[in-house]
Amino acid sequence: MPRSIWKGAISFGLVNIPVGLYSAESRQELRFNQLDRRTMSRVREKRVDEQTGNEVPYEEIVRGYDTGGGNYVVLTENDFRRANPKATQSISIQAFVNADEIDITYFDKPYYLAPMGSGKKGYALLRRVLRETGRVAIAKVVIRTKEYLCAVVPRGDVMVLEILRFAYELRDPSELDVPQDDLKELGVSEAEVTMAEQLVGAMVKSWDPEEYRDEYRDDLLQVIEEKEAHPEAVAEVQPAGVPGEGKVVDIMALLRRSVEEVRATSGGDGDAQAADAADDEARPAPGKRAAAGKAGGGESSATGRKKPAKRKEGGGRRRAA
């Protein structure tokens, strides 16, 4: 049984459900140490008293609030609890909202909730009601020294506490230079829309999180193994530019090739009628096509590109065992 990082109760109305809070994340990040390149010795950070220059043991460090003029008010763990005992011991439900109303940008970090002691009955009851109504509970919780907005969400047999960002913590997207929704003004044709829809349709599949891996982590581990075995044989790599930046691209040709490649690898033919319609709209008139053929060296396809060869089975990226 994992160790809880917080204990308290879910409270709504007069109901209190004793629960423990558990981390839902298990990050597998590669850890690197800082080294002095001259001696290859580890470089360590120290907590140092700025007046004496001496290192301060962890157990002698306290938290202080700066009141100005170099004066501090020192707070203990008891002071943090005393500020609002109820807030530090409860997940206080403020409201229930439809699950699809919460924009994905507000979700920050997940935790698992598990019942404690006599909390199983209330836990199962709240989970059942949230499931059947399609709603989530919006609540507030204090973890360590900070109050968070959160959502209690049923996920199978467990309830998840999702830390939410407050509205003021999100930047206004109007600061960004993004295109408006008028596709004609941007030069996007109906044929390109149709072909893009085909590509999306050809790539639709059921969500399976186990199917996806951190491929960059696997590749980085391979580089580490190569450098460990043959450090002198590893060549420097120049950083790649941003794909497509500063270039005029033929989106229709790229979409068509993408659809063909997806069909070749998946073994399906997608929506053939939609493909023909998109091709007909994108294909130039006979007179123009003949002129384009002479100018372009007699290329036979509308895009002037050959169809990509079908990939062999198992020809995808290397996956670590």
Protein backbone atom coordinates (compact mmCIF):
# COMPACT_ATOMS: atom_id res chain seq x y z
CA MET A 1 0.00 0.00 0.00
CA PRO A 2 1.52 3.33 -1.02
CA ARG A 3 1.95 6.04 1.59
CA SER A 4 -0.62 8.85 1.57
CA ILE A 5 0.66 12.42 1.27
CA TRP A 6 -2.44 13.91 2.90
CA LYS A 7 -5.27 12.66 5.13
CA GLY A 8 -8.61 14.31 5.65
CA ALA A 9 -12.21 14.05 4.46
CA ILE A 10 -14.35 14.89 1.46
CA SER A 11 -17.07 17.16 2.80
CA PHE A 12 -20.32 18.21 1.11
CA GLY A 13 -23.35 19.33 3.08
CA LEU A 14 -23.17 17.48 6.40
CA VAL A 15 -21.50 14.43 4.85
CA ASN A 16 -17.83 13.70 5.60
CA ILE A 17 -15.96 10.87 3.85
CA PRO A 18 -12.53 10.08 5.38
CA VAL A 19 -9.96 9.73 2.58
CA GLY A 20 -6.26 9.61 1.91
CA LEU A 21 -4.58 11.40 -0.99
CA TYR A 22 -2.02 9.49 -3.07
CA SER A 23 0.19 10.58 -5.93
CA ALA A 24 -1.14 9.32 -9.27
CA GLU A 25 2.13 10.01 -11.11
CA SER A 26 5.16 7.78 -11.45
CA ARG A 27 7.58 9.84 -13.49
CA GLN A 28 10.38 7.93 -15.22
CA GLU A 29 12.59 10.90 -16.06
CA LEU A 30 16.29 10.33 -16.64
CA ARG A 31 18.33 11.91 -13.86
CA PHE A 32 21.54 13.76 -14.59
CA ASN A 33 24.16 15.05 -12.15
CA GLN A 34 26.02 18.31 -12.56
CA LEU A 35 29.76 17.78 -13.02
CA ASP A 36 32.83 19.99 -13.09
CA ARG A 37 34.06 19.41 -16.66
CA ARG A 38 37.68 19.87 -15.53
CA THR A 39 37.69 17.19 -12.81
CA MET A 40 34.44 15.30 -13.58
CA SER A 41 33.58 15.62 -9.89
CA ARG A 42 29.98 16.18 -8.84
CA VAL A 43 28.84 19.74 -8.23
CA ARG A 44 26.48 19.97 -5.26
CA GLU A 45 24.21 22.76 -4.12
CA LYS A 46 24.40 23.82 -0.50
CA ARG A 47 22.13 25.83 1.78
CA VAL A 48 24.37 28.59 3.03
CA ASP A 49 23.84 31.28 5.67
CA GLU A 50 24.33 34.52 3.71
CA GLN A 51 25.85 36.27 6.74
CA THR A 52 28.33 33.65 7.92
CA GLY A 53 28.83 31.75 4.66
CA ASN A 54 28.45 28.49 6.61
CA GLU A 55 26.30 25.58 5.44
CA VAL A 56 23.00 25.26 7.37
CA PRO A 57 21.74 21.77 8.30
CA TYR A 58 18.26 21.01 6.97
CA GLU A 59 16.79 20.56 10.46
CA GLU A 60 17.84 24.12 11.38
CA ILE A 61 15.96 25.73 8.47
CA VAL A 62 12.61 27.42 9.20
CA ARG A 63 10.16 29.30 7.00
CA GLY A 64 9.82 33.04 7.41
CA TYR A 65 7.53 35.64 5.86
CA ASP A 66 9.29 38.85 4.82
CA THR A 67 7.48 41.83 6.39
CA GLY A 68 9.95 44.35 4.93
CA GLY A 69 13.11 46.02 6.17
CA GLY A 70 14.85 42.68 6.66
CA ASN A 71 12.30 41.52 9.26
CA TYR A 72 10.68 38.10 9.14
CA VAL A 73 7.79 36.36 10.91
CA VAL A 74 8.74 32.70 11.45
CA LEU A 75 5.95 30.15 10.92
CA THR A 76 5.87 26.59 12.23
CA GLU A 77 3.85 23.63 10.91
CA ASN A 78 1.35 24.27 13.72
CA ASP A 79 0.90 27.87 12.52
CA PHE A 80 -0.05 26.66 9.03
CA ARG A 81 -2.64 24.28 10.50
CA ARG A 82 -3.93 26.89 12.98
CA ALA A 83 -4.65 29.39 10.17
CA ASN A 84 -7.69 27.31 9.09
CA PRO A 85 -7.89 23.83 10.66
CA LYS A 86 -10.93 22.80 8.58
CA ALA A 87 -9.35 23.83 5.27
CA THR A 88 -6.19 21.83 5.96
CA GLN A 89 -8.14 18.66 6.75
CA SER A 90 -10.93 18.60 4.19
CA ILE A 91 -11.70 18.52 0.49
CA SER A 92 -14.53 21.00 0.67
CA ILE A 93 -16.95 20.57 -2.25
CA GLN A 94 -18.24 23.89 -3.54
CA ALA A 95 -20.44 22.73 -6.44
CA PHE A 96 -21.13 19.97 -8.96
CA VAL A 97 -20.68 20.70 -12.69
CA ASN A 98 -20.96 18.77 -15.94
CA ALA A 99 -17.67 17.02 -16.67
CA ASP A 100 -17.44 18.38 -20.23
CA GLU A 101 -17.73 22.01 -19.06
CA ILE A 102 -14.16 22.15 -17.73
CA ASP A 103 -11.66 23.22 -20.38
CA ILE A 104 -8.63 20.91 -20.60
CA THR A 105 -6.24 23.83 -19.99
CA TYR A 106 -7.43 24.05 -16.37
CA PHE A 107 -6.26 20.52 -15.47
CA ASP A 108 -2.88 20.50 -13.77
CA LYS A 109 -2.03 17.40 -11.72
CA PRO A 110 -3.85 14.18 -10.71
CA TYR A 111 -4.01 12.44 -7.32
CA TYR A 112 -5.83 9.27 -6.30
CA LEU A 113 -8.37 9.32 -3.48
CA ALA A 114 -8.94 6.21 -1.37
CA PRO A 115 -11.37 5.78 1.53
CA MET A 116 -10.12 5.39 5.08
CA GLY A 117 -11.77 3.78 8.10
CA SER A 118 -15.53 4.12 7.86
CA GLY A 119 -15.37 6.06 4.58
CA LYS A 120 -16.05 3.19 2.15
CA LYS A 121 -19.84 3.55 2.11
CA GLY A 122 -19.80 7.31 1.50
CA TYR A 123 -16.97 6.92 -1.04
CA ALA A 124 -18.93 4.35 -3.08
CA LEU A 125 -22.10 6.46 -2.87
CA LEU A 126 -20.43 9.65 -4.14
CA ARG A 127 -18.62 7.72 -6.89
CA ARG A 128 -21.92 6.18 -8.07
CA VAL A 129 -23.74 9.52 -8.15
CA LEU A 130 -20.92 11.25 -10.06
CA ARG A 131 -20.84 8.42 -12.59
CA GLU A 132 -24.58 8.35 -13.24
CA THR A 133 -25.03 12.12 -13.46
CA GLY A 134 -21.92 12.73 -15.58
CA ARG A 135 -20.80 15.42 -13.16
CA VAL A 136 -17.63 16.20 -11.23
CA ALA A 137 -17.29 17.83 -7.84
CA ILE A 138 -15.52 21.20 -7.71
CA ALA A 139 -13.75 21.62 -4.39
CA LYS A 140 -10.95 23.36 -2.53
CA VAL A 141 -8.13 21.66 -0.65
CA VAL A 142 -5.04 22.84 1.21
CA ILE A 143 -1.96 20.70 0.50
CA ARG A 144 1.06 21.66 2.57
CA THR A 145 0.92 25.47 2.58
CA LYS A 146 -1.20 26.28 -0.50
CA GLU A 147 -4.90 26.18 -1.24
CA TYR A 148 -5.85 24.57 -4.54
CA LEU A 149 -8.95 24.45 -6.66
CA CYS A 150 -9.68 20.85 -7.62
CA ALA A 151 -12.15 18.49 -9.26
CA VAL A 152 -13.15 15.09 -7.86
CA VAL A 153 -13.67 12.81 -10.87
CA PRO A 154 -14.71 9.10 -10.98
CA ARG A 155 -12.28 6.93 -12.97
CA GLY A 156 -13.37 3.30 -12.88
CA ASP A 157 -13.32 2.13 -9.25
CA VAL A 158 -11.17 5.00 -8.00
CA MET A 159 -11.95 8.67 -7.59
CA VAL A 160 -9.31 11.08 -8.84
CA LEU A 161 -8.62 14.50 -7.40
CA GLU A 162 -7.51 16.69 -10.29
CA ILE A 163 -5.72 19.88 -9.25
CA LEU A 164 -7.13 22.73 -11.34
CA ARG A 165 -5.56 26.02 -12.27
CA PHE A 166 -7.34 29.16 -11.12
CA ALA A 167 -8.56 31.39 -13.96
CA TYR A 168 -5.95 34.07 -13.15
CA GLU A 169 -3.16 31.49 -13.60
CA LEU A 170 -3.91 31.10 -17.32
CA ARG A 171 -2.59 33.67 -19.76
CA ASP A 172 -4.99 35.39 -22.13
CA PRO A 173 -4.62 33.61 -25.52
CA SER A 174 -5.64 36.81 -27.31
CA GLU A 175 -1.99 37.87 -26.92
CA LEU A 176 -1.06 35.26 -29.55
CA ASP A 177 -1.05 35.83 -33.29
CA VAL A 178 -3.31 33.02 -34.53
CA PRO A 179 -5.39 32.88 -37.74
CA GLN A 180 -9.14 33.56 -37.67
CA ASP A 181 -11.66 30.92 -38.73
CA ASP A 182 -12.22 32.28 -42.25
CA LEU A 183 -10.56 29.50 -44.27
CA LYS A 184 -11.25 31.16 -47.62
CA GLU A 185 -9.28 34.22 -46.56
CA LEU A 186 -6.38 31.92 -45.72
CA GLY A 187 -6.59 30.23 -49.14
CA VAL A 188 -7.83 26.89 -47.80
CA SER A 189 -9.93 25.07 -50.41
CA GLU A 190 -12.82 22.66 -49.83
CA ALA A 191 -10.69 19.93 -51.41
CA GLU A 192 -8.03 20.45 -48.73
CA VAL A 193 -10.70 20.31 -46.01
CA THR A 194 -12.05 17.07 -47.48
CA MET A 195 -8.59 15.54 -47.73
CA ALA A 196 -7.72 16.63 -44.16
CA GLU A 197 -10.95 15.01 -42.91
CA GLN A 198 -9.95 11.82 -44.75
CA LEU A 199 -6.57 11.83 -43.03
CA VAL A 200 -8.19 12.29 -39.61
CA GLY A 201 -10.70 9.54 -40.37
CA ALA A 202 -7.96 7.15 -41.49
CA MET A 203 -6.05 7.71 -38.23
CA VAL A 204 -9.01 7.25 -35.84
CA LYS A 205 -8.56 4.48 -33.29
CA SER A 206 -9.56 3.60 -29.73
CA TRP A 207 -7.57 5.30 -26.97
CA ASP A 208 -5.02 2.92 -25.44
CA PRO A 209 -2.46 4.72 -23.25
CA GLU A 210 -0.27 1.60 -23.09
CA GLU A 211 0.38 1.95 -26.83
CA TYR A 212 2.38 5.15 -26.44
CA ARG A 213 5.95 5.36 -25.19
CA ASP A 214 8.42 8.10 -24.44
CA GLU A 215 10.45 7.42 -27.59
CA TYR A 216 12.82 10.33 -26.96
CA ARG A 217 13.75 8.77 -23.60
CA ASP A 218 14.48 5.44 -25.33
CA ASP A 219 16.58 7.17 -28.00
CA LEU A 220 18.47 9.17 -25.38
CA LEU A 221 19.28 5.98 -23.45
CA GLN A 222 20.66 4.52 -26.69
CA VAL A 223 22.91 7.57 -27.13
CA ILE A 224 24.11 7.10 -23.54
CA GLU A 225 24.90 3.44 -24.18
CA GLU A 226 26.78 4.31 -27.40
CA LYS A 227 28.84 7.01 -25.66
CA GLU A 228 29.62 4.65 -22.79
CA ALA A 229 30.84 1.92 -25.17
CA HIS A 230 32.53 4.10 -27.83
CA PRO A 231 32.80 7.74 -26.69
CA GLU A 232 35.21 8.61 -29.50
CA ALA A 233 32.85 7.45 -32.28
CA VAL A 234 29.89 9.72 -31.43
CA ALA A 235 29.56 12.60 -33.89
CA GLU A 236 28.12 16.03 -33.13
CA VAL A 237 24.66 16.67 -34.57
CA GLN A 238 23.58 20.09 -35.81
CA PRO A 239 20.23 21.25 -34.39
CA ALA A 240 17.35 20.87 -36.83
CA GLY A 241 15.26 23.84 -37.88
CA VAL A 242 11.53 24.19 -37.31
CA PRO A 243 9.74 21.97 -39.91
CA GLY A 244 8.07 24.06 -42.61
CA GLU A 245 9.15 27.40 -41.19
CA GLY A 246 9.62 30.05 -43.88
CA LYS A 247 8.63 27.70 -46.71
CA VAL A 248 5.68 27.72 -49.10
CA VAL A 249 4.21 24.20 -49.00
CA ASP A 250 1.67 22.39 -51.15
CA ILE A 251 -0.71 21.32 -48.37
CA MET A 252 -2.93 19.32 -50.74
CA ALA A 253 -0.01 17.22 -51.96
CA LEU A 254 1.17 16.59 -48.40
CA LEU A 255 -2.33 15.61 -47.26
CA ARG A 256 -2.76 13.23 -50.21
CA ARG A 257 0.58 11.56 -49.54
CA SER A 258 -0.25 11.29 -45.83
CA VAL A 259 -3.60 9.61 -46.57
CA GLU A 260 -1.91 7.15 -48.95
CA GLU A 261 0.75 6.26 -46.37
CA VAL A 262 -1.80 5.72 -43.59
CA ARG A 263 -3.89 3.51 -45.86
CA ALA A 264 -0.82 1.52 -46.91
CA THR A 265 0.21 0.86 -43.30
CA SER A 266 -3.31 0.21 -41.95
CA GLY A 267 -4.46 -1.92 -44.86
CA GLY A 268 -7.67 0.13 -45.30
CA ASP A 269 -8.79 2.20 -48.24
CA GLY A 270 -10.71 4.86 -46.22
CA ASP A 271 -13.44 6.83 -47.96
CA ALA A 272 -12.64 6.22 -51.63
CA GLN A 273 -15.47 8.38 -52.93
CA ALA A 274 -14.35 11.34 -50.85
CA ALA A 275 -10.83 10.83 -52.13
CA ASP A 276 -12.02 10.88 -55.73
CA ALA A 277 -14.07 14.02 -55.10
CA ALA A 278 -11.09 15.76 -53.52
CA ASP A 279 -8.86 14.70 -56.40
CA ASP A 280 -11.37 15.96 -58.98
CA GLU A 281 -11.61 19.34 -57.31
CA ALA A 282 -7.87 19.67 -56.91
CA ARG A 283 -7.07 18.46 -60.46
CA PRO A 284 -6.62 21.28 -63.02
CA ALA A 285 -8.73 21.51 -66.20
CA PRO A 286 -7.51 19.39 -69.18
CA GLY A 287 -6.01 22.38 -71.05
CA LYS A 288 -4.17 23.62 -68.02
CA ARG A 289 -3.00 20.10 -67.17
CA ALA A 290 -1.47 19.66 -70.62
CA ALA A 291 0.33 22.98 -70.31
CA ALA A 292 1.55 22.09 -66.84
CA GLY A 293 2.80 18.75 -68.16
CA LYS A 294 4.95 20.44 -70.81
CA ALA A 295 6.32 23.01 -68.42
CA GLY A 296 7.00 20.48 -65.68
CA GLY A 297 8.69 17.85 -67.84
CA GLY A 298 5.66 15.67 -68.56
CA GLU A 299 4.90 14.56 -65.02
CA SER A 300 1.81 12.37 -65.03
CA SER A 301 0.27 13.11 -61.62
CA ALA A 302 -1.62 16.26 -60.60
CA THR A 303 0.92 16.96 -57.88
CA GLY A 304 4.00 16.07 -59.93
CA ARG A 305 5.01 13.59 -57.21
CA LYS A 306 5.28 9.83 -57.26
CA LYS A 307 3.22 7.79 -54.86
CA PRO A 308 5.24 6.59 -51.90
CA ALA A 309 6.07 2.91 -51.75
CA LYS A 310 4.06 0.83 -49.35
CA ARG A 311 5.77 0.22 -46.02
CA LYS A 312 6.58 -3.33 -45.06
CA GLU A 313 4.94 -4.94 -42.04
CA GLY A 314 6.79 -4.09 -38.85
CA GLY A 315 8.61 -1.23 -40.54
CA GLY A 316 7.72 1.33 -37.87
CA ARG A 317 9.98 2.94 -35.32
CA ARG A 318 12.07 0.83 -33.04
CA ARG A 319 10.36 0.18 -29.74
CA ALA A 320 12.26 -0.64 -26.63
CA ALA A 321 11.50 -3.97 -25.07
